[in-house]
Amino acid sequence: MNAGLSGLQVVIGISYGSIALICDAVHNIVDVIGLLLAWGAESLGGLPSTRCFSYGFGRSTQIAAVTNGVLILMASAVVCVNLFFT
């Protein structure tokens, strides 16, 4: 539902030239990606260890959290560049 709302915000934001709506859509898209990363990492973290991964996949949640943080910083950079150069 949140992804659909973000798509609608992008379309309306572009058609009306609203940077605020586009930035909110980017924020919501990053939230959706973060939730999907967390969900995937949590399910991956419950898997048992394998021959290649002898300690298991428990650290996948930390990797997902760092990835989510990087995505948020990148989205913030896009918003700041749009703010100062448009």
PDB file of N, CA and C in Angstrom:
ATOM      1  N   MET A   1       0.826  -1.184   0.000  1.00  0.00           N
ATOM      2  CA  MET A   1       0.000   0.000   0.000  1.00  0.00           C
ATOM      3  C   MET A   1       0.875   1.254   0.000  1.00  0.00           C
ATOM      4  N   ASN A   2       1.935   1.225   0.789  1.00  0.00           N
ATOM      5  CA  ASN A   2       2.824   2.378   0.854  1.00  0.00           C
ATOM      6  C   ASN A   2       3.554   2.601  -0.470  1.00  0.00           C
ATOM      7  N   ALA A   3       3.899   1.509  -1.161  1.00  0.00           N
ATOM      8  CA  ALA A   3       4.564   1.636  -2.457  1.00  0.00           C
ATOM      9  C   ALA A   3       3.612   2.248  -3.480  1.00  0.00           C
ATOM     10  N   GLY A   4       2.356   1.860  -3.448  1.00  0.00           N
ATOM     11  CA  GLY A   4       1.369   2.437  -4.354  1.00  0.00           C
ATOM     12  C   GLY A   4       1.144   3.911  -4.093  1.00  0.00           C
ATOM     13  N   LEU A   5       1.094   4.276  -2.823  1.00  0.00           N
ATOM     14  CA  LEU A   5       0.947   5.685  -2.458  1.00  0.00           C
ATOM     15  C   LEU A   5       2.154   6.478  -2.933  1.00  0.00           C
ATOM     16  N   SER A   6       3.338   5.906  -2.827  1.00  0.00           N
ATOM     17  CA  SER A   6       4.548   6.595  -3.279  1.00  0.00           C
ATOM     18  C   SER A   6       4.522   6.807  -4.781  1.00  0.00           C
ATOM     19  N   GLY A   7       4.086   5.800  -5.513  1.00  0.00           N
ATOM     20  CA  GLY A   7       3.978   5.954  -6.961  1.00  0.00           C
ATOM     21  C   GLY A   7       3.002   7.052  -7.341  1.00  0.00           C
ATOM     22  N   LEU A   8       1.880   7.100  -6.644  1.00  0.00           N
ATOM     23  CA  LEU A   8       0.890   8.144  -6.899  1.00  0.00           C
ATOM     24  C   LEU A   8       1.453   9.522  -6.558  1.00  0.00           C
ATOM     25  N   GLN A   9       2.218   9.615  -5.475  1.00  0.00           N
ATOM     26  CA  GLN A   9       2.830  10.886  -5.101  1.00  0.00           C
ATOM     27  C   GLN A   9       3.842  11.348  -6.143  1.00  0.00           C
ATOM     28  N   VAL A  10       4.601  10.413  -6.702  1.00  0.00           N
ATOM     29  CA  VAL A  10       5.567  10.780  -7.743  1.00  0.00           C
ATOM     30  C   VAL A  10       4.835  11.333  -8.962  1.00  0.00           C
ATOM     31  N   VAL A  11       3.782  10.648  -9.386  1.00  0.00           N
ATOM     32  CA  VAL A  11       3.032  11.093 -10.566  1.00  0.00           C
ATOM     33  C   VAL A  11       2.419  12.471 -10.328  1.00  0.00           C
ATOM     34  N   ILE A  12       1.782  12.662  -9.197  1.00  0.00           N
ATOM     35  CA  ILE A  12       1.150  13.955  -8.907  1.00  0.00           C
ATOM     36  C   ILE A  12       2.208  15.034  -8.706  1.00  0.00           C
ATOM     37  N   GLY A  13       3.314  14.672  -8.020  1.00  0.00           N
ATOM     38  CA  GLY A  13       4.380  15.648  -7.800  1.00  0.00           C
ATOM     39  C   GLY A  13       5.017  16.124  -9.087  1.00  0.00           C
ATOM     40  N   ILE A  14       5.229  15.207 -10.021  1.00  0.00           N
ATOM     41  CA  ILE A  14       5.812  15.593 -11.304  1.00  0.00           C
ATOM     42  C   ILE A  14       4.826  16.415 -12.123  1.00  0.00           C
ATOM     43  N   SER A  15       3.559  16.003 -12.119  1.00  0.00           N
ATOM     44  CA  SER A  15       2.572  16.725 -12.934  1.00  0.00           C
ATOM     45  C   SER A  15       2.316  18.138 -12.419  1.00  0.00           C
ATOM     46  N   TYR A  16       2.401  18.357 -11.116  1.00  0.00           N
ATOM     47  CA  TYR A  16       2.172  19.684 -10.566  1.00  0.00           C
ATOM     48  C   TYR A  16       3.464  20.419 -10.220  1.00  0.00           C
ATOM     49  N   GLY A  17       4.609  19.761 -10.402  1.00  0.00           N
ATOM     50  CA  GLY A  17       5.890  20.408 -10.119  1.00  0.00           C
ATOM     51  C   GLY A  17       6.146  20.609  -8.641  1.00  0.00           C
ATOM     52  N   SER A  18       5.662  19.701  -7.816  1.00  0.00           N
ATOM     53  CA  SER A  18       5.809  19.836  -6.370  1.00  0.00           C
ATOM     54  C   SER A  18       7.003  19.017  -5.878  1.00  0.00           C
ATOM     55  N   ILE A  19       8.044  19.725  -5.472  1.00  0.00           N
ATOM     56  CA  ILE A  19       9.233  19.044  -4.955  1.00  0.00           C
ATOM     57  C   ILE A  19       8.904  18.373  -3.618  1.00  0.00           C
ATOM     58  N   ALA A  20       8.023  18.965  -2.834  1.00  0.00           N
ATOM     59  CA  ALA A  20       7.677  18.392  -1.529  1.00  0.00           C
ATOM     60  C   ALA A  20       7.028  17.017  -1.691  1.00  0.00           C
ATOM     61  N   LEU A  21       6.130  16.882  -2.651  1.00  0.00           N
ATOM     62  CA  LEU A  21       5.498  15.588  -2.879  1.00  0.00           C
ATOM     63  C   LEU A  21       6.494  14.558  -3.387  1.00  0.00           C
ATOM     64  N   ILE A  22       7.380  14.973  -4.265  1.00  0.00           N
ATOM     65  CA  ILE A  22       8.388  14.052  -4.785  1.00  0.00           C
ATOM     66  C   ILE A  22       9.328  13.611  -3.668  1.00  0.00           C
ATOM     67  N   CYS A  23       9.738  14.532  -2.810  1.00  0.00           N
ATOM     68  CA  CYS A  23      10.616  14.183  -1.684  1.00  0.00           C
ATOM     69  C   CYS A  23       9.916  13.253  -0.707  1.00  0.00           C
ATOM     70  N   ASP A  24       8.640  13.486  -0.466  1.00  0.00           N
ATOM     71  CA  ASP A  24       7.892  12.587   0.409  1.00  0.00           C
ATOM     72  C   ASP A  24       7.767  11.202  -0.222  1.00  0.00           C
ATOM     73  N   ALA A  25       7.608  11.156  -1.541  1.00  0.00           N
ATOM     74  CA  ALA A  25       7.541   9.868  -2.225  1.00  0.00           C
ATOM     75  C   ALA A  25       8.868   9.125  -2.121  1.00  0.00           C
ATOM     76  N   VAL A  26       9.978   9.841  -2.277  1.00  0.00           N
ATOM     77  CA  VAL A  26      11.299   9.216  -2.126  1.00  0.00           C
ATOM     78  C   VAL A  26      11.463   8.691  -0.706  1.00  0.00           C
ATOM     79  N   HIS A  27      11.021   9.461   0.266  1.00  0.00           N
ATOM     80  CA  HIS A  27      11.086   9.027   1.662  1.00  0.00           C
ATOM     81  C   HIS A  27      10.285   7.750   1.870  1.00  0.00           C
ATOM     82  N   ASN A  28       9.078   7.710   1.327  1.00  0.00           N
ATOM     83  CA  ASN A  28       8.245   6.513   1.476  1.00  0.00           C
ATOM     84  C   ASN A  28       8.840   5.317   0.751  1.00  0.00           C
ATOM     85  N   ILE A  29       9.443   5.531  -0.418  1.00  0.00           N
ATOM     86  CA  ILE A  29      10.064   4.432  -1.149  1.00  0.00           C
ATOM     87  C   ILE A  29      11.248   3.874  -0.369  1.00  0.00           C
ATOM     88  N   VAL A  30      12.045   4.755   0.238  1.00  0.00           N
ATOM     89  CA  VAL A  30      13.165   4.292   1.064  1.00  0.00           C
ATOM     90  C   VAL A  30      12.640   3.520   2.274  1.00  0.00           C
ATOM     91  N   ASP A  31      11.531   3.955   2.845  1.00  0.00           N
ATOM     92  CA  ASP A  31      10.923   3.208   3.952  1.00  0.00           C
ATOM     93  C   ASP A  31      10.483   1.815   3.515  1.00  0.00           C
ATOM     94  N   VAL A  32       9.877   1.720   2.343  1.00  0.00           N
ATOM     95  CA  VAL A  32       9.435   0.419   1.828  1.00  0.00           C
ATOM     96  C   VAL A  32      10.639  -0.497   1.610  1.00  0.00           C
ATOM     97  N   ILE A  33      11.694   0.053   1.001  1.00  0.00           N
ATOM     98  CA  ILE A  33      12.900  -0.743   0.773  1.00  0.00           C
ATOM     99  C   ILE A  33      13.510  -1.189   2.098  1.00  0.00           C
ATOM    100  N   GLY A  34      13.534  -0.299   3.074  1.00  0.00           N
ATOM    101  CA  GLY A  34      14.059  -0.647   4.398  1.00  0.00           C
ATOM    102  C   GLY A  34      13.255  -1.746   5.066  1.00  0.00           C
ATOM    103  N   LEU A  35      11.938  -1.673   4.941  1.00  0.00           N
ATOM    104  CA  LEU A  35      11.094  -2.725   5.518  1.00  0.00           C
ATOM    105  C   LEU A  35      11.310  -4.067   4.824  1.00  0.00           C
ATOM    106  N   LEU A  36      11.456  -4.030   3.497  1.00  0.00           N
ATOM    107  CA  LEU A  36      11.720  -5.269   2.763  1.00  0.00           C
ATOM    108  C   LEU A  36      13.088  -5.847   3.122  1.00  0.00           C
ATOM    109  N   LEU A  37      14.087  -4.974   3.273  1.00  0.00           N
ATOM    110  CA  LEU A  37      15.405  -5.441   3.697  1.00  0.00           C
ATOM    111  C   LEU A  37      15.354  -6.077   5.080  1.00  0.00           C
ATOM    112  N   ALA A  38      14.665  -5.428   6.001  1.00  0.00           N
ATOM    113  CA  ALA A  38      14.567  -5.967   7.358  1.00  0.00           C
ATOM    114  C   ALA A  38      13.829  -7.293   7.380  1.00  0.00           C
ATOM    115  N   TRP A  39      12.765  -7.384   6.610  1.00  0.00           N
ATOM    116  CA  TRP A  39      12.004  -8.631   6.552  1.00  0.00           C
ATOM    117  C   TRP A  39      12.849  -9.759   5.974  1.00  0.00           C
ATOM    118  N   GLY A  40      13.547  -9.478   4.876  1.00  0.00           N
ATOM    119  CA  GLY A  40      14.403 -10.490   4.272  1.00  0.00           C
ATOM    120  C   GLY A  40      15.556 -10.880   5.168  1.00  0.00           C
ATOM    121  N   ALA A  41      16.168  -9.910   5.834  1.00  0.00           N
ATOM    122  CA  ALA A  41      17.291 -10.213   6.718  1.00  0.00           C
ATOM    123  C   ALA A  41      16.839 -11.009   7.932  1.00  0.00           C
ATOM    124  N   GLU A  42      15.669 -10.709   8.441  1.00  0.00           N
ATOM    125  CA  GLU A  42      15.165 -11.454   9.603  1.00  0.00           C
ATOM    126  C   GLU A  42      14.881 -12.900   9.237  1.00  0.00           C
ATOM    127  N   SER A  43      14.306 -13.116   8.065  1.00  0.00           N
ATOM    128  CA  SER A  43      14.047 -14.496   7.653  1.00  0.00           C
ATOM    129  C   SER A  43      15.347 -15.214   7.304  1.00  0.00           C
ATOM    130  N   LEU A  44      16.314 -14.497   6.744  1.00  0.00           N
ATOM    131  CA  LEU A  44      17.613 -15.085   6.436  1.00  0.00           C
ATOM    132  C   LEU A  44      18.403 -15.382   7.706  1.00  0.00           C
ATOM    133  N   GLY A  45      18.247 -14.540   8.709  1.00  0.00           N
ATOM    134  CA  GLY A  45      18.974 -14.727   9.965  1.00  0.00           C
ATOM    135  C   GLY A  45      18.568 -15.967  10.729  1.00  0.00           C
ATOM    136  N   GLY A  46      17.393 -16.484  10.464  1.00  0.00           N
ATOM    137  CA  GLY A  46      16.934 -17.681  11.155  1.00  0.00           C
ATOM    138  C   GLY A  46      17.409 -18.980  10.539  1.00  0.00           C
ATOM    139  N   LEU A  47      18.090 -18.898   9.409  1.00  0.00           N
ATOM    140  CA  LEU A  47      18.572 -20.115   8.759  1.00  0.00           C
ATOM    141  C   LEU A  47      19.740 -20.721   9.531  1.00  0.00           C
ATOM    142  N   PRO A  48      19.876 -22.025   9.488  1.00  0.00           N
ATOM    143  CA  PRO A  48      21.006 -22.660  10.188  1.00  0.00           C
ATOM    144  C   PRO A  48      22.312 -22.428   9.430  1.00  0.00           C
ATOM    145  N   SER A  49      23.414 -22.692  10.102  1.00  0.00           N
ATOM    146  CA  SER A  49      24.719 -22.519   9.465  1.00  0.00           C
ATOM    147  C   SER A  49      24.919 -23.559   8.366  1.00  0.00           C
ATOM    148  N   THR A  50      25.733 -23.185   7.397  1.00  0.00           N
ATOM    149  CA  THR A  50      26.051 -24.083   6.287  1.00  0.00           C
ATOM    150  C   THR A  50      27.554 -24.320   6.260  1.00  0.00           C
ATOM    151  N   ARG A  51      27.980 -25.052   5.278  1.00  0.00           N
ATOM    152  CA  ARG A  51      29.410 -25.320   5.163  1.00  0.00           C
ATOM    153  C   ARG A  51      30.184 -24.045   4.822  1.00  0.00           C
ATOM    154  N   CYS A  52      29.624 -23.226   3.951  1.00  0.00           N
ATOM    155  CA  CYS A  52      30.293 -21.974   3.571  1.00  0.00           C
ATOM    156  C   CYS A  52      30.153 -20.895   4.639  1.00  0.00           C
ATOM    157  N   PHE A  53      29.012 -20.853   5.307  1.00  0.00           N
ATOM    158  CA  PHE A  53      28.751 -19.866   6.350  1.00  0.00           C
ATOM    159  C   PHE A  53      28.646 -20.588   7.687  1.00  0.00           C
ATOM    160  N   SER A  54      29.794 -20.865   8.279  1.00  0.00           N
ATOM    161  CA  SER A  54      29.822 -21.712   9.471  1.00  0.00           C
ATOM    162  C   SER A  54      29.201 -21.047  10.695  1.00  0.00           C
ATOM    163  N   TYR A  55      29.106 -19.718  10.707  1.00  0.00           N
ATOM    164  CA  TYR A  55      28.476 -19.028  11.827  1.00  0.00           C
ATOM    165  C   TYR A  55      27.020 -18.702  11.559  1.00  0.00           C
ATOM    166  N   GLY A  56      26.515 -19.107  10.425  1.00  0.00           N
ATOM    167  CA  GLY A  56      25.123 -18.848  10.086  1.00  0.00           C
ATOM    168  C   GLY A  56      24.937 -17.489   9.436  1.00  0.00           C
ATOM    169  N   PHE A  57      23.719 -17.018   9.464  1.00  0.00           N
ATOM    170  CA  PHE A  57      23.370 -15.776   8.790  1.00  0.00           C
ATOM    171  C   PHE A  57      22.853 -14.718   9.773  1.00  0.00           C
ATOM    172  N   GLY A  58      23.276 -14.808  11.021  1.00  0.00           N
ATOM    173  CA  GLY A  58      22.788 -13.902  12.056  1.00  0.00           C
ATOM    174  C   GLY A  58      23.138 -12.452  11.831  1.00  0.00           C
ATOM    175  N   ARG A  59      24.243 -12.187  11.140  1.00  0.00           N
ATOM    176  CA  ARG A  59      24.664 -10.809  10.902  1.00  0.00           C
ATOM    177  C   ARG A  59      23.928 -10.141   9.744  1.00  0.00           C
ATOM    178  N   SER A  60      23.051 -10.859   9.100  1.00  0.00           N
ATOM    179  CA  SER A  60      22.332 -10.268   7.971  1.00  0.00           C
ATOM    180  C   SER A  60      21.462  -9.098   8.418  1.00  0.00           C
ATOM    181  N   THR A  61      20.997  -9.120   9.654  1.00  0.00           N
ATOM    182  CA  THR A  61      20.174  -8.004  10.135  1.00  0.00           C
ATOM    183  C   THR A  61      21.005  -6.733  10.275  1.00  0.00           C
ATOM    184  N   GLN A  62      22.262  -6.865  10.721  1.00  0.00           N
ATOM    185  CA  GLN A  62      23.125  -5.690  10.825  1.00  0.00           C
ATOM    186  C   GLN A  62      23.470  -5.142   9.447  1.00  0.00           C
ATOM    187  N   ILE A  63      23.710  -6.033   8.487  1.00  0.00           N
ATOM    188  CA  ILE A  63      24.008  -5.591   7.126  1.00  0.00           C
ATOM    189  C   ILE A  63      22.796  -4.869   6.538  1.00  0.00           C
ATOM    190  N   ALA A  64      21.609  -5.373   6.797  1.00  0.00           N
ATOM    191  CA  ALA A  64      20.390  -4.720   6.309  1.00  0.00           C
ATOM    192  C   ALA A  64      20.219  -3.345   6.955  1.00  0.00           C
ATOM    193  N   ALA A  65      20.543  -3.225   8.237  1.00  0.00           N
ATOM    194  CA  ALA A  65      20.414  -1.940   8.919  1.00  0.00           C
ATOM    195  C   ALA A  65      21.394  -0.915   8.358  1.00  0.00           C
ATOM    196  N   VAL A  66      22.624  -1.327   8.097  1.00  0.00           N
ATOM    197  CA  VAL A  66      23.607  -0.411   7.510  1.00  0.00           C
ATOM    198  C   VAL A  66      23.180  -0.006   6.102  1.00  0.00           C
ATOM    199  N   THR A  67      22.687  -0.967   5.335  1.00  0.00           N
ATOM    200  CA  THR A  67      22.212  -0.667   3.988  1.00  0.00           C
ATOM    201  C   THR A  67      21.052   0.322   4.024  1.00  0.00           C
ATOM    202  N   ASN A  68      20.152   0.140   4.964  1.00  0.00           N
ATOM    203  CA  ASN A  68      19.027   1.063   5.113  1.00  0.00           C
ATOM    204  C   ASN A  68      19.522   2.459   5.484  1.00  0.00           C
ATOM    205  N   GLY A  69      20.498   2.547   6.366  1.00  0.00           N
ATOM    206  CA  GLY A  69      21.064   3.843   6.732  1.00  0.00           C
ATOM    207  C   GLY A  69      21.713   4.544   5.552  1.00  0.00           C
ATOM    208  N   VAL A  70      22.434   3.784   4.735  1.00  0.00           N
ATOM    209  CA  VAL A  70      23.064   4.358   3.545  1.00  0.00           C
ATOM    210  C   VAL A  70      22.000   4.853   2.565  1.00  0.00           C
ATOM    211  N   LEU A  71      20.921   4.080   2.403  1.00  0.00           N
ATOM    212  CA  LEU A  71      19.838   4.512   1.515  1.00  0.00           C
ATOM    213  C   LEU A  71      19.193   5.800   2.003  1.00  0.00           C
ATOM    214  N   ILE A  72      19.010   5.919   3.311  1.00  0.00           N
ATOM    215  CA  ILE A  72      18.421   7.140   3.868  1.00  0.00           C
ATOM    216  C   ILE A  72      19.344   8.331   3.634  1.00  0.00           C
ATOM    217  N   LEU A  73      20.659   8.128   3.821  1.00  0.00           N
ATOM    218  CA  LEU A  73      21.600   9.213   3.562  1.00  0.00           C
ATOM    219  C   LEU A  73      21.619   9.605   2.088  1.00  0.00           C
ATOM    220  N   MET A  74      21.532   8.621   1.205  1.00  0.00           N
ATOM    221  CA  MET A  74      21.506   8.931  -0.227  1.00  0.00           C
ATOM    222  C   MET A  74      20.239   9.690  -0.596  1.00  0.00           C
ATOM    223  N   ALA A  75      19.105   9.292  -0.034  1.00  0.00           N
ATOM    224  CA  ALA A  75      17.855  10.008  -0.305  1.00  0.00           C
ATOM    225  C   ALA A  75      17.926  11.437   0.226  1.00  0.00           C
ATOM    226  N   SER A  76      18.559  11.622   1.383  1.00  0.00           N
ATOM    227  CA  SER A  76      18.724  12.972   1.934  1.00  0.00           C
ATOM    228  C   SER A  76      19.615  13.815   1.039  1.00  0.00           C
ATOM    229  N   ALA A  77      20.654  13.205   0.485  1.00  0.00           N
ATOM    230  CA  ALA A  77      21.541  13.938  -0.422  1.00  0.00           C
ATOM    231  C   ALA A  77      20.796  14.371  -1.676  1.00  0.00           C
ATOM    232  N   VAL A  78      19.939  13.497  -2.194  1.00  0.00           N
ATOM    233  CA  VAL A  78      19.159  13.855  -3.380  1.00  0.00           C
ATOM    234  C   VAL A  78      18.241  15.040  -3.068  1.00  0.00           C
ATOM    235  N   VAL A  79      17.614  15.013  -1.916  1.00  0.00           N
ATOM    236  CA  VAL A  79      16.725  16.106  -1.532  1.00  0.00           C
ATOM    237  C   VAL A  79      17.514  17.408  -1.380  1.00  0.00           C
ATOM    238  N   CYS A  80      18.680  17.348  -0.756  1.00  0.00           N
ATOM    239  CA  CYS A  80      19.493  18.563  -0.575  1.00  0.00           C
ATOM    240  C   CYS A  80      19.988  19.104  -1.906  1.00  0.00           C
ATOM    241  N   VAL A  81      20.420  18.232  -2.799  1.00  0.00           N
ATOM    242  CA  VAL A  81      20.864  18.700  -4.119  1.00  0.00           C
ATOM    243  C   VAL A  81      19.703  19.343  -4.866  1.00  0.00           C
ATOM    244  N   ASN A  82      18.524  18.741  -4.790  1.00  0.00           N
ATOM    245  CA  ASN A  82      17.345  19.337  -5.430  1.00  0.00           C
ATOM    246  C   ASN A  82      17.005  20.685  -4.810  1.00  0.00           C
ATOM    247  N   LEU A  83      17.180  20.798  -3.531  1.00  0.00           N
ATOM    248  CA  LEU A  83      16.850  22.033  -2.836  1.00  0.00           C
ATOM    249  C   LEU A  83      17.752  23.171  -3.276  1.00  0.00           C
ATOM    250  N   PHE A  84      19.056  22.887  -3.390  1.00  0.00           N
ATOM    251  CA  PHE A  84      19.998  23.966  -3.667  1.00  0.00           C
ATOM    252  C   PHE A  84      20.201  24.237  -5.155  1.00  0.00           C
ATOM    253  N   PHE A  85      19.941  23.268  -6.015  1.00  0.00           N
ATOM    254  CA  PHE A  85      20.267  23.455  -7.432  1.00  0.00           C
ATOM    255  C   PHE A  85      19.056  23.504  -8.351  1.00  0.00           C
ATOM    256  N   THR A  86      17.851  23.610  -7.813  1.00  0.00           N
ATOM    257  CA  THR A  86      16.682  23.772  -8.672  1.00  0.00           C
ATOM    258  C   THR A  86      15.873  24.975  -8.251  1.00  0.00           C
TER     259      THR A  86
END
